[in-house]
Amino acid sequence: MNRRQMLRLGLIGTGVSAANILRAAQPAAPEAHGDAVAIDDATALLYSRQAPLEPAPGLRDARAVWSHVPERPDRSVLVYLHGHNGYVTVDANGRPRVPDWAAGDEAAKKGASGKPAAPLVYGLDRLEKKTGRRPIVLVPEDSTLATGSFWAKEPAGQYADPDRLGRLIADCLRHLTTLHHRGGRTYLPPDFAGRPNAPGAAKVPALDRVYLSGHSGAGLPMEQAAVSRLILPDRGVPADLWLFDSTYWSKVDGFVEFCARWKAADRLVGGRRDASRFVCVYRPRTSTEEVADELRAAIAKAIAADPASLVVDHTAENLEKTIRPALGRTGALFVRTELPHDEIPTAFIPELLRTAAS
């Protein structure tokens, strides 16, 4: 068995393969549907007016949000921002569907029909089975049509408004408290819709924790979302912020501020329900390493820590004895891994959920 095979066995669980999902892909034009599509008793495709992207005239999929609600969900939401050349749309049967913003361009249509929707690629509908944790999963669209080597990219400015993330989550939860699935019930009970806040402010979702995660090119919107009011101390919700090989973008101020604020509140630590955690996973000797190292130095300075104490090397052999304990106790951690770029979210999301505060 070679090293890559061992690394894969160390973290990646079984599930539906990408090849099987691809065979079910439907590169069809968008269906005629209303405000949301109830797919099954757990999964729905929502359309939120609070989603950060503006659809082109006559289109709507830029506002799509794939959602999954497990049975008896925790008071937590996992928001996943996908990387370049990804999308979130599915049809009424839950199969990948080319988004309308890509369907009019042959290269983009070919690219989208050649891969599954991001939440299906990374098994975000199977987290409860893998981990025993039951977060509500929201995967908002963060890509738009592009040219050149990428058929889709993440435009800047999506979460520049510090209330955007909170409004988006609150609106999606509101949808899920009123949308009926095929079993006849709503996806969520009414109390998940949120609680009143100060006059004129966004409604605060009724949550105990937010898991904000992003892969690859999603580092761009993640940096802005990191300082969303919803996930900062004082009135905010404790949060986990996870970067999955996404330090291509050299602007890191938002990540540093996230760590500095929770540290100042004495609440940047693993294993505590009232505290927050920051984890950056990246590959050594790649284009994400330089910015990851710079970010680690900046965060270490902001929280008065030794930069060397904030990094660990992942292997299949040290997962149980080194990686899991470090994830469980540390408020800011950088993990170097030899896993391939596209396998990192599938591998680490379950581990991060298992080691999150409960």
Protein backbone atom coordinates (compact mmCIF):
# COMPACT_ATOMS: atom_id res chain seq x y z
CA MET A 1 0.00 0.00 0.00
CA ASN A 2 1.48 3.36 -0.99
CA ARG A 3 1.46 6.56 1.09
CA ARG A 4 -1.47 8.15 -0.74
CA GLN A 5 -3.60 5.05 -0.20
CA MET A 6 -2.73 5.06 3.49
CA LEU A 7 -3.63 8.71 3.85
CA ARG A 8 -6.98 8.14 2.23
CA LEU A 9 -7.75 5.19 4.48
CA GLY A 10 -6.81 7.26 7.50
CA LEU A 11 -9.64 9.74 7.13
CA ILE A 12 -12.03 9.16 4.26
CA GLY A 13 -15.19 7.21 5.03
CA THR A 14 -17.25 5.23 2.59
CA GLY A 15 -20.10 6.76 0.61
CA VAL A 16 -21.49 7.37 -2.84
CA SER A 17 -18.63 7.75 -5.28
CA ALA A 18 -18.23 10.75 -7.55
CA ALA A 19 -18.51 8.42 -10.53
CA ASN A 20 -21.92 7.21 -9.38
CA ILE A 21 -23.12 10.76 -8.84
CA LEU A 22 -21.83 11.80 -12.24
CA ARG A 23 -23.84 9.08 -13.92
CA ALA A 24 -26.97 10.65 -12.42
CA ALA A 25 -26.09 14.23 -13.43
CA GLN A 26 -28.74 16.02 -15.42
CA PRO A 27 -27.31 18.86 -17.56
CA ALA A 28 -30.77 20.20 -18.24
CA ALA A 29 -32.22 23.69 -18.24
CA PRO A 30 -33.59 24.91 -14.89
CA GLU A 31 -37.00 23.57 -13.99
CA ALA A 32 -39.99 25.80 -13.47
CA HIS A 33 -40.19 25.91 -9.71
CA GLY A 34 -41.28 28.32 -7.03
CA ASP A 35 -39.56 29.72 -4.00
CA ALA A 36 -38.04 26.36 -3.02
CA VAL A 37 -37.84 22.72 -4.08
CA ALA A 38 -38.65 20.07 -1.48
CA ILE A 39 -36.50 17.12 -2.59
CA ASP A 40 -36.98 14.58 0.19
CA ASP A 41 -37.61 14.54 3.93
CA ALA A 42 -34.18 16.04 4.64
CA THR A 43 -33.02 17.95 1.56
CA ALA A 44 -34.32 21.07 -0.18
CA LEU A 45 -33.10 23.65 -2.67
CA LEU A 46 -33.90 27.13 -1.39
CA TYR A 47 -33.83 30.53 -3.07
CA SER A 48 -32.95 33.32 -0.65
CA ARG A 49 -33.25 37.03 -1.30
CA GLN A 50 -30.48 37.39 1.29
CA ALA A 51 -28.04 35.32 -0.77
CA PRO A 52 -25.09 37.55 -1.70
CA LEU A 53 -25.02 37.06 -5.48
CA GLU A 54 -27.30 38.99 -7.84
CA PRO A 55 -28.85 36.84 -10.59
CA ALA A 56 -28.72 38.09 -14.16
CA PRO A 57 -32.09 39.13 -15.65
CA GLY A 58 -34.30 36.12 -16.20
CA LEU A 59 -32.08 33.83 -14.09
CA ARG A 60 -32.29 32.80 -10.44
CA ASP A 61 -29.72 30.12 -9.57
CA ALA A 62 -27.17 32.63 -8.25
CA ARG A 63 -29.45 32.78 -5.18
CA ALA A 64 -29.72 29.00 -4.78
CA VAL A 65 -28.91 27.42 -1.40
CA TRP A 66 -28.70 23.63 -1.10
CA SER A 67 -29.88 22.59 2.36
CA HIS A 68 -29.96 19.41 4.40
CA VAL A 69 -31.83 19.00 7.69
CA PRO A 70 -31.15 15.79 9.64
CA GLU A 71 -33.75 14.22 11.86
CA ARG A 72 -33.76 16.00 15.25
CA PRO A 73 -31.18 18.62 14.15
CA ASP A 74 -28.75 20.23 16.54
CA ARG A 75 -28.97 23.96 17.18
CA SER A 76 -26.12 24.45 14.76
CA VAL A 77 -25.61 25.37 11.12
CA LEU A 78 -22.77 24.28 8.86
CA VAL A 79 -22.25 26.75 6.01
CA TYR A 80 -20.05 25.41 3.22
CA LEU A 81 -18.62 27.67 0.50
CA HIS A 82 -17.37 25.69 -2.48
CA GLY A 83 -14.39 26.50 -4.69
CA HIS A 84 -13.76 27.33 -8.34
CA ASN A 85 -15.75 25.50 -10.99
CA GLY A 86 -18.41 24.39 -8.53
CA TYR A 87 -22.15 24.86 -8.17
CA VAL A 88 -24.96 23.87 -5.79
CA THR A 89 -28.08 23.28 -7.90
CA VAL A 90 -29.93 19.96 -8.02
CA ASP A 91 -33.20 18.89 -9.62
CA ALA A 92 -36.41 17.79 -7.88
CA ASN A 93 -34.92 14.31 -7.39
CA GLY A 94 -31.75 15.65 -5.80
CA ARG A 95 -29.55 14.96 -8.84
CA PRO A 96 -26.98 17.53 -10.05
CA ARG A 97 -28.40 20.14 -12.40
CA VAL A 98 -26.41 22.69 -14.41
CA PRO A 99 -27.14 26.14 -12.94
CA ASP A 100 -28.90 28.63 -15.20
CA TRP A 101 -25.98 31.06 -15.05
CA ALA A 102 -23.79 28.41 -16.70
CA ALA A 103 -26.31 26.83 -19.07
CA GLY A 104 -25.98 29.51 -21.78
CA ASP A 105 -22.24 29.04 -22.22
CA GLU A 106 -21.09 25.82 -23.88
CA ALA A 107 -17.79 25.57 -22.01
CA ALA A 108 -19.49 26.24 -18.68
CA LYS A 109 -22.33 23.84 -19.43
CA LYS A 110 -19.84 21.13 -20.31
CA GLY A 111 -17.83 21.83 -17.18
CA ALA A 112 -20.85 21.75 -14.88
CA SER A 113 -22.36 18.62 -16.43
CA GLY A 114 -19.01 16.88 -16.01
CA LYS A 115 -19.03 17.03 -12.23
CA PRO A 116 -21.52 16.65 -9.38
CA ALA A 117 -22.91 19.52 -7.33
CA ALA A 118 -20.52 20.49 -4.52
CA PRO A 119 -22.63 19.28 -1.55
CA LEU A 120 -22.85 15.84 -3.16
CA VAL A 121 -19.13 15.72 -3.98
CA TYR A 122 -18.23 16.24 -0.32
CA GLY A 123 -20.92 14.08 1.25
CA LEU A 124 -22.67 16.89 3.09
CA ASP A 125 -25.88 14.86 3.13
CA ARG A 126 -24.19 12.04 5.08
CA LEU A 127 -22.57 13.84 8.01
CA GLU A 128 -24.92 12.46 10.66
CA LYS A 129 -24.10 8.88 9.66
CA LYS A 130 -20.36 9.62 9.70
CA THR A 131 -20.14 11.68 12.88
CA GLY A 132 -23.29 11.42 14.99
CA ARG A 133 -23.51 15.22 14.83
CA ARG A 134 -26.63 16.77 13.30
CA PRO A 135 -25.98 20.30 12.03
CA ILE A 136 -28.31 21.92 9.53
CA VAL A 137 -26.23 22.20 6.34
CA LEU A 138 -26.48 25.22 4.03
CA VAL A 139 -24.46 25.45 0.82
CA PRO A 140 -25.09 28.85 -0.79
CA GLU A 141 -24.01 29.54 -4.34
CA ASP A 142 -20.78 31.55 -4.41
CA SER A 143 -19.72 31.17 -8.06
CA THR A 144 -20.63 33.03 -11.22
CA LEU A 145 -19.85 32.53 -14.89
CA ALA A 146 -16.22 33.18 -15.77
CA THR A 147 -13.93 32.96 -18.79
CA GLY A 148 -10.49 31.51 -19.33
CA SER A 149 -9.21 28.46 -17.49
CA PHE A 150 -12.12 28.45 -15.04
CA TRP A 151 -15.76 28.26 -16.07
CA ALA A 152 -16.84 29.57 -12.66
CA LYS A 153 -15.23 31.75 -10.01
CA GLU A 154 -16.01 33.44 -6.69
CA PRO A 155 -16.47 37.21 -7.14
CA ALA A 156 -15.20 39.51 -4.40
CA GLY A 157 -17.49 41.40 -2.05
CA GLN A 158 -20.07 38.72 -1.33
CA TYR A 159 -19.83 39.08 2.45
CA ALA A 160 -18.50 42.62 2.70
CA ASP A 161 -21.71 43.53 4.53
CA PRO A 162 -21.07 42.20 8.07
CA ASP A 163 -24.76 41.37 8.48
CA ARG A 164 -25.01 39.37 5.25
CA LEU A 165 -24.11 35.96 6.70
CA GLY A 166 -26.57 36.33 9.56
CA ARG A 167 -29.37 37.47 7.28
CA LEU A 168 -28.73 34.61 4.87
CA ILE A 169 -28.81 31.95 7.59
CA ALA A 170 -31.90 33.48 9.21
CA ASP A 171 -33.72 33.61 5.89
CA CYS A 172 -32.85 30.00 5.04
CA LEU A 173 -34.03 28.83 8.45
CA ARG A 174 -37.25 30.77 7.95
CA HIS A 175 -37.76 28.97 4.63
CA LEU A 176 -37.20 25.63 6.33
CA THR A 177 -39.74 26.37 9.08
CA THR A 178 -42.47 26.96 6.48
CA LEU A 179 -41.54 24.60 3.64
CA HIS A 180 -43.27 21.22 3.79
CA HIS A 181 -41.42 18.14 2.60
CA ARG A 182 -43.06 15.14 1.00
CA GLY A 183 -43.79 13.59 4.38
CA GLY A 184 -46.15 16.47 5.09
CA ARG A 185 -44.17 18.18 7.85
CA THR A 186 -42.00 21.28 7.75
CA TYR A 187 -38.24 20.74 7.71
CA LEU A 188 -37.80 22.68 10.95
CA PRO A 189 -40.09 23.67 13.84
CA PRO A 190 -41.03 27.37 14.07
CA ASP A 191 -38.62 28.22 16.89
CA PHE A 192 -35.61 27.79 14.57
CA ALA A 193 -36.65 30.94 12.69
CA GLY A 194 -34.88 33.19 15.21
CA ARG A 195 -35.45 35.69 17.96
CA PRO A 196 -36.05 39.46 17.85
CA ASN A 197 -33.00 41.68 18.01
CA ALA A 198 -32.52 45.42 18.34
CA PRO A 199 -34.92 47.55 16.24
CA GLY A 200 -33.83 47.64 12.63
CA ALA A 201 -31.19 44.92 13.03
CA ALA A 202 -31.18 41.53 11.38
CA LYS A 203 -33.06 38.75 13.12
CA VAL A 204 -30.70 36.49 15.06
CA PRO A 205 -31.01 32.78 14.24
CA ALA A 206 -31.79 30.58 17.23
CA LEU A 207 -28.45 28.76 17.14
CA ASP A 208 -25.80 27.51 19.54
CA ARG A 209 -22.98 27.30 16.96
CA VAL A 210 -22.08 28.13 13.37
CA TYR A 211 -19.57 26.08 11.40
CA LEU A 212 -18.30 28.30 8.59
CA SER A 213 -16.16 26.42 6.07
CA GLY A 214 -14.70 27.01 2.64
CA HIS A 215 -12.60 25.13 0.10
CA SER A 216 -10.13 26.27 -2.55
CA GLY A 217 -11.19 29.56 -4.17
CA ALA A 218 -13.77 30.09 -1.43
CA GLY A 219 -10.98 31.61 0.65
CA LEU A 220 -11.95 34.92 -0.96
CA PRO A 221 -15.53 35.12 0.38
CA MET A 222 -14.46 33.33 3.58
CA GLU A 223 -12.06 36.12 4.54
CA GLN A 224 -14.92 38.62 4.55
CA ALA A 225 -17.44 36.28 6.16
CA ALA A 226 -14.98 35.66 9.01
CA VAL A 227 -15.86 39.03 10.53
CA SER A 228 -19.61 38.73 10.12
CA ARG A 229 -21.41 40.03 13.19
CA LEU A 230 -23.20 36.73 13.66
CA ILE A 231 -19.97 34.90 14.58
CA LEU A 232 -18.13 37.47 16.68
CA PRO A 233 -18.21 37.80 20.51
CA ASP A 234 -20.72 39.90 22.44
CA ARG A 235 -23.99 39.32 20.58
CA GLY A 236 -22.61 36.71 18.20
CA VAL A 237 -22.81 32.92 18.13
CA PRO A 238 -19.74 30.76 18.92
CA ALA A 239 -18.26 29.56 15.67
CA ASP A 240 -15.86 27.16 14.06
CA LEU A 241 -14.06 28.63 11.04
CA TRP A 242 -12.47 26.05 8.74
CA LEU A 243 -10.26 26.72 5.72
CA PHE A 244 -9.70 23.77 3.39
CA ASP A 245 -6.64 24.38 1.21
CA SER A 246 -7.98 27.84 0.42
CA THR A 247 -5.08 30.18 1.22
CA TYR A 248 -4.54 31.26 -2.38
CA TRP A 249 -5.89 34.72 -1.53
CA SER A 250 -3.27 36.87 0.18
CA LYS A 251 -5.75 39.03 2.10
CA VAL A 252 -6.03 37.43 5.54
CA ASP A 253 -7.11 40.30 7.82
CA GLY A 254 -10.58 38.84 8.46
CA PHE A 255 -9.17 35.55 9.76
CA VAL A 256 -6.73 37.35 12.04
CA GLU A 257 -9.51 39.58 13.39
CA PHE A 258 -11.75 36.58 14.06
CA CYS A 259 -9.05 34.93 16.18
CA ALA A 260 -8.01 38.17 17.90
CA ARG A 261 -11.57 39.03 18.97
CA TRP A 262 -12.36 35.62 20.39
CA LYS A 263 -8.97 35.53 22.12
CA ALA A 264 -9.62 38.94 23.67
CA ALA A 265 -12.88 37.55 25.01
CA ASP A 266 -10.91 34.57 26.43
CA ARG A 267 -12.98 32.30 24.21
CA LEU A 268 -10.61 31.04 21.49
CA VAL A 269 -10.20 27.43 22.58
CA GLY A 270 -11.31 23.96 21.57
CA GLY A 271 -13.82 21.88 23.48
CA ARG A 272 -15.88 24.68 25.04
CA ARG A 273 -19.45 25.35 23.98
CA ASP A 274 -19.10 29.09 24.58
CA ALA A 275 -15.83 29.35 22.62
CA SER A 276 -14.74 29.49 18.99
CA ARG A 277 -12.12 27.65 16.97
CA PHE A 278 -10.10 28.38 13.82
CA VAL A 279 -8.58 25.57 11.71
CA CYS A 280 -6.63 25.96 8.48
CA VAL A 281 -5.78 22.80 6.52
CA TYR A 282 -3.29 23.13 3.68
CA ARG A 283 -0.78 21.17 1.62
CA PRO A 284 2.97 21.71 2.06
CA ARG A 285 5.09 22.59 -0.95
CA THR A 286 2.08 23.97 -2.83
CA SER A 287 0.77 27.44 -3.67
CA THR A 288 -1.35 27.51 -0.49
CA GLU A 289 1.59 27.04 1.86
CA GLU A 290 3.14 30.52 1.63
CA VAL A 291 -0.03 32.39 2.57
CA ALA A 292 -0.90 29.79 5.22
CA ASP A 293 2.49 30.36 6.86
CA GLU A 294 2.01 34.13 6.71
CA LEU A 295 -1.46 33.77 8.21
CA ARG A 296 -0.14 31.56 10.99
CA ALA A 297 2.49 34.16 11.89
CA ALA A 298 -0.11 36.94 11.91
CA ILE A 299 -2.56 34.97 14.08
CA ALA A 300 0.22 33.93 16.47
CA LYS A 301 1.16 37.59 16.95
CA ALA A 302 -2.47 38.61 17.46
CA ILE A 303 -3.09 35.97 20.15
CA ALA A 304 0.41 36.08 21.70
CA ALA A 305 1.33 32.52 20.75
CA ASP A 306 4.42 30.82 19.38
CA PRO A 307 3.81 30.22 15.63
CA ALA A 308 5.44 26.79 15.88
CA SER A 309 2.86 25.74 18.48
CA LEU A 310 -0.01 26.33 16.06
CA VAL A 311 0.90 23.76 13.38
CA VAL A 312 0.76 19.96 13.19
CA ASP A 313 1.48 17.50 10.37
CA HIS A 314 -1.26 15.06 9.46
CA THR A 315 -0.63 11.47 8.43
CA ALA A 316 -2.89 8.45 8.47
CA GLU A 317 -0.79 7.03 11.29
CA ASN A 318 -1.06 10.03 13.64
CA LEU A 319 -4.75 10.81 13.19
CA GLU A 320 -5.93 9.30 16.45
CA LYS A 321 -2.98 10.15 18.71
CA THR A 322 -2.04 13.61 17.40
CA ILE A 323 -4.57 15.23 15.08
CA ARG A 324 -7.82 14.54 16.92
CA PRO A 325 -6.48 15.66 20.34
CA ALA A 326 -5.04 18.82 18.79
CA LEU A 327 -8.34 19.61 17.05
CA GLY A 328 -10.23 19.03 20.28
CA ARG A 329 -8.24 21.34 22.53
CA THR A 330 -6.79 24.09 20.33
CA GLY A 331 -8.43 27.40 19.49
CA ALA A 332 -6.26 28.13 16.44
CA LEU A 333 -4.60 25.31 14.54
CA PHE A 334 -2.90 24.81 11.17
CA VAL A 335 -2.79 21.28 9.76
CA ARG A 336 -0.37 20.28 6.99
CA THR A 337 -1.60 17.30 5.00
CA GLU A 338 -0.49 15.34 1.96
CA LEU A 339 -4.07 14.57 1.00
CA PRO A 340 -5.00 15.69 -2.53
CA HIS A 341 -6.66 19.09 -2.80
CA ASP A 342 -10.16 17.79 -3.64
CA GLU A 343 -10.15 15.18 -0.89
CA ILE A 344 -9.48 17.57 1.99
CA PRO A 345 -13.09 18.68 2.73
CA THR A 346 -14.44 15.12 2.56
CA ALA A 347 -11.74 13.96 4.95
CA PHE A 348 -11.64 16.78 7.47
CA ILE A 349 -15.24 17.95 7.84
CA PRO A 350 -16.21 14.76 9.74
CA GLU A 351 -13.11 14.99 11.93
CA LEU A 352 -13.79 18.63 12.74
CA LEU A 353 -17.41 17.89 13.61
CA ARG A 354 -16.41 14.98 15.84
CA THR A 355 -13.95 17.17 17.75
CA ALA A 356 -16.19 20.25 17.98
CA ALA A 357 -17.55 21.43 21.32
CA SER A 358 -20.78 19.69 22.31
